[in-house]
Amino acid sequence: MAAWDDGLIGLNAACIEVFGQAITHTPAGGELSELSAIFDCSREITTIDAVGVPVQSYRPVIEGREADFATRPAVGDGVAVGGINYRVMDVQPRGDGWLALILRR
């Protein structure tokens, strides 16, 4: 299992190096911190509505290493990418030490 984990860590680090962008994270009531993370301006998100029908929408998403955030992101936190401000609408742990932050402008 260690070989798989080491390979995944190396692959994720390479993704940050190639695709990472400067991100500013401001926790509600906290101090601003900067990190490098992967930003997708329009990811397809599928949710299930109240009657069980799948609903597709497009949302900006940031994915990054949880350890790179000064404090763990939470719903309501502020994030800035390329001078554009967003709010964190959902935090989804990926299970490998990374987080996906679903954003709203």
C-alpha atoms as a PDB file:
ATOM      1  CA  MET A   1       0.000   0.000   0.000  1.00  0.00           C
ATOM      2  CA  ALA A   2       2.892   2.379   0.721  1.00  0.00           C
ATOM      3  CA  ALA A   3       4.017   2.245  -2.915  1.00  0.00           C
ATOM      4  CA  TRP A   4       0.531   3.279  -4.061  1.00  0.00           C
ATOM      5  CA  ASP A   5       0.375   6.106  -1.516  1.00  0.00           C
ATOM      6  CA  ASP A   6       3.844   7.342  -2.491  1.00  0.00           C
ATOM      7  CA  GLY A   7       2.906   7.248  -6.168  1.00  0.00           C
ATOM      8  CA  LEU A   8      -0.301   9.169  -5.518  1.00  0.00           C
ATOM      9  CA  ILE A   9       1.549  11.819  -3.496  1.00  0.00           C
ATOM     10  CA  GLY A  10       4.056  12.239  -6.340  1.00  0.00           C
ATOM     11  CA  LEU A  11       1.331  12.461  -8.968  1.00  0.00           C
ATOM     12  CA  ASN A  12      -0.647  15.019  -6.958  1.00  0.00           C
ATOM     13  CA  ALA A  13       2.505  17.123  -6.426  1.00  0.00           C
ATOM     14  CA  ALA A  14       3.169  17.060 -10.180  1.00  0.00           C
ATOM     15  CA  CYS A  15      -0.422  18.172 -10.869  1.00  0.00           C
ATOM     16  CA  ILE A  16      -0.013  21.147  -8.502  1.00  0.00           C
ATOM     17  CA  GLU A  17       3.304  22.036 -10.156  1.00  0.00           C
ATOM     18  CA  VAL A  18       1.837  21.960 -13.675  1.00  0.00           C
ATOM     19  CA  PHE A  19      -1.767  23.108 -13.154  1.00  0.00           C
ATOM     20  CA  GLY A  20      -1.599  24.964  -9.830  1.00  0.00           C
ATOM     21  CA  GLN A  21      -2.667  28.586  -9.568  1.00  0.00           C
ATOM     22  CA  ALA A  22      -2.198  31.137  -6.805  1.00  0.00           C
ATOM     23  CA  ILE A  23      -5.210  30.916  -4.489  1.00  0.00           C
ATOM     24  CA  THR A  24      -6.051  33.158  -1.544  1.00  0.00           C
ATOM     25  CA  HIS A  25      -8.115  31.533   1.217  1.00  0.00           C
ATOM     26  CA  THR A  26      -9.781  33.670   3.887  1.00  0.00           C
ATOM     27  CA  PRO A  27     -11.582  31.712   6.601  1.00  0.00           C
ATOM     28  CA  ALA A  28     -14.661  33.355   8.093  1.00  0.00           C
ATOM     29  CA  GLY A  29     -13.246  35.479  10.913  1.00  0.00           C
ATOM     30  CA  GLY A  30      -9.693  34.350  10.130  1.00  0.00           C
ATOM     31  CA  GLU A  31      -6.553  35.533   8.441  1.00  0.00           C
ATOM     32  CA  LEU A  32      -5.838  35.332   4.738  1.00  0.00           C
ATOM     33  CA  SER A  33      -3.392  32.681   3.509  1.00  0.00           C
ATOM     34  CA  GLU A  34      -1.990  31.893   0.073  1.00  0.00           C
ATOM     35  CA  LEU A  35      -1.403  28.528  -1.535  1.00  0.00           C
ATOM     36  CA  SER A  36      -1.214  26.832  -4.899  1.00  0.00           C
ATOM     37  CA  ALA A  37      -4.199  24.706  -5.949  1.00  0.00           C
ATOM     38  CA  ILE A  38      -5.962  23.550  -9.105  1.00  0.00           C
ATOM     39  CA  PHE A  39      -8.850  25.767 -10.229  1.00  0.00           C
ATOM     40  CA  ASP A  40     -11.587  24.631 -12.603  1.00  0.00           C
ATOM     41  CA  CYS A  41     -13.844  27.557 -13.549  1.00  0.00           C
ATOM     42  CA  SER A  42     -16.759  25.390 -14.706  1.00  0.00           C
ATOM     43  CA  ARG A  43     -16.993  21.819 -13.438  1.00  0.00           C
ATOM     44  CA  GLU A  44     -20.142  19.822 -14.007  1.00  0.00           C
ATOM     45  CA  ILE A  45     -21.809  19.025 -10.677  1.00  0.00           C
ATOM     46  CA  THR A  46     -24.702  16.567 -10.420  1.00  0.00           C
ATOM     47  CA  THR A  47     -27.051  16.734  -7.443  1.00  0.00           C
ATOM     48  CA  ILE A  48     -30.368  15.056  -6.687  1.00  0.00           C
ATOM     49  CA  ASP A  49     -33.386  17.332  -6.182  1.00  0.00           C
ATOM     50  CA  ALA A  50     -36.186  16.857  -3.614  1.00  0.00           C
ATOM     51  CA  VAL A  51     -38.098  14.369  -5.790  1.00  0.00           C
ATOM     52  CA  GLY A  52     -35.033  12.313  -6.752  1.00  0.00           C
ATOM     53  CA  VAL A  53     -34.313  13.820 -10.169  1.00  0.00           C
ATOM     54  CA  PRO A  54     -30.640  14.384 -11.065  1.00  0.00           C
ATOM     55  CA  VAL A  55     -29.884  18.062 -11.684  1.00  0.00           C
ATOM     56  CA  GLN A  56     -26.723  19.143 -13.470  1.00  0.00           C
ATOM     57  CA  SER A  57     -25.113  22.516 -12.942  1.00  0.00           C
ATOM     58  CA  TYR A  58     -21.703  24.054 -13.457  1.00  0.00           C
ATOM     59  CA  ARG A  59     -19.694  25.484 -10.572  1.00  0.00           C
ATOM     60  CA  PRO A  60     -16.160  26.721 -10.062  1.00  0.00           C
ATOM     61  CA  VAL A  61     -14.097  24.203  -8.068  1.00  0.00           C
ATOM     62  CA  ILE A  62     -10.718  24.305  -6.350  1.00  0.00           C
ATOM     63  CA  GLU A  63      -8.822  21.114  -5.562  1.00  0.00           C
ATOM     64  CA  GLY A  64      -5.766  21.162  -3.334  1.00  0.00           C
ATOM     65  CA  ARG A  65      -3.857  19.435  -0.585  1.00  0.00           C
ATOM     66  CA  GLU A  66      -5.580  19.898   2.762  1.00  0.00           C
ATOM     67  CA  ALA A  67      -2.142  20.339   4.371  1.00  0.00           C
ATOM     68  CA  ASP A  68      -1.477  23.409   2.177  1.00  0.00           C
ATOM     69  CA  PHE A  69      -4.363  25.357   3.740  1.00  0.00           C
ATOM     70  CA  ALA A  70      -3.395  27.296   6.901  1.00  0.00           C
ATOM     71  CA  THR A  71      -6.795  26.335   8.347  1.00  0.00           C
ATOM     72  CA  ARG A  72      -9.213  23.718   7.033  1.00  0.00           C
ATOM     73  CA  PRO A  73     -11.670  25.363   4.615  1.00  0.00           C
ATOM     74  CA  ALA A  74     -15.310  25.535   5.668  1.00  0.00           C
ATOM     75  CA  VAL A  75     -18.608  26.558   4.081  1.00  0.00           C
ATOM     76  CA  GLY A  76     -18.796  30.357   3.949  1.00  0.00           C
ATOM     77  CA  ASP A  77     -15.046  30.957   3.677  1.00  0.00           C
ATOM     78  CA  GLY A  78     -13.758  33.333   1.028  1.00  0.00           C
ATOM     79  CA  VAL A  79     -11.472  32.302  -1.831  1.00  0.00           C
ATOM     80  CA  ALA A  80      -9.898  34.490  -4.511  1.00  0.00           C
ATOM     81  CA  VAL A  81      -8.494  33.259  -7.814  1.00  0.00           C
ATOM     82  CA  GLY A  82      -7.111  35.654 -10.411  1.00  0.00           C
ATOM     83  CA  GLY A  83      -8.646  38.649  -8.645  1.00  0.00           C
ATOM     84  CA  ILE A  84     -12.145  37.118  -8.602  1.00  0.00           C
ATOM     85  CA  ASN A  85     -13.775  36.468  -5.219  1.00  0.00           C
ATOM     86  CA  TYR A  86     -15.768  33.311  -4.457  1.00  0.00           C
ATOM     87  CA  ARG A  87     -17.532  31.769  -1.447  1.00  0.00           C
ATOM     88  CA  VAL A  88     -17.064  28.142  -0.431  1.00  0.00           C
ATOM     89  CA  MET A  89     -20.421  26.370  -0.796  1.00  0.00           C
ATOM     90  CA  ASP A  90     -19.239  22.831   0.008  1.00  0.00           C
ATOM     91  CA  VAL A  91     -16.049  21.096   1.146  1.00  0.00           C
ATOM     92  CA  GLN A  92     -15.583  17.548  -0.159  1.00  0.00           C
ATOM     93  CA  PRO A  93     -12.648  15.494   1.152  1.00  0.00           C
ATOM     94  CA  ARG A  94     -11.319  13.219  -1.595  1.00  0.00           C
ATOM     95  CA  GLY A  95      -9.954  10.613   0.798  1.00  0.00           C
ATOM     96  CA  ASP A  96      -6.326  11.072  -0.249  1.00  0.00           C
ATOM     97  CA  GLY A  97      -5.426  14.206   1.696  1.00  0.00           C
ATOM     98  CA  TRP A  98      -6.949  16.506  -0.902  1.00  0.00           C
ATOM     99  CA  LEU A  99     -10.083  18.631  -0.722  1.00  0.00           C
ATOM    100  CA  ALA A 100     -12.478  19.756  -3.441  1.00  0.00           C
ATOM    101  CA  LEU A 101     -14.024  23.142  -2.670  1.00  0.00           C
ATOM    102  CA  ILE A 102     -17.272  23.841  -4.519  1.00  0.00           C
ATOM    103  CA  LEU A 103     -17.498  27.592  -5.012  1.00  0.00           C
ATOM    104  CA  ARG A 104     -19.986  30.303  -5.869  1.00  0.00           C
ATOM    105  CA  ARG A 105     -19.173  33.715  -7.231  1.00  0.00           C
END
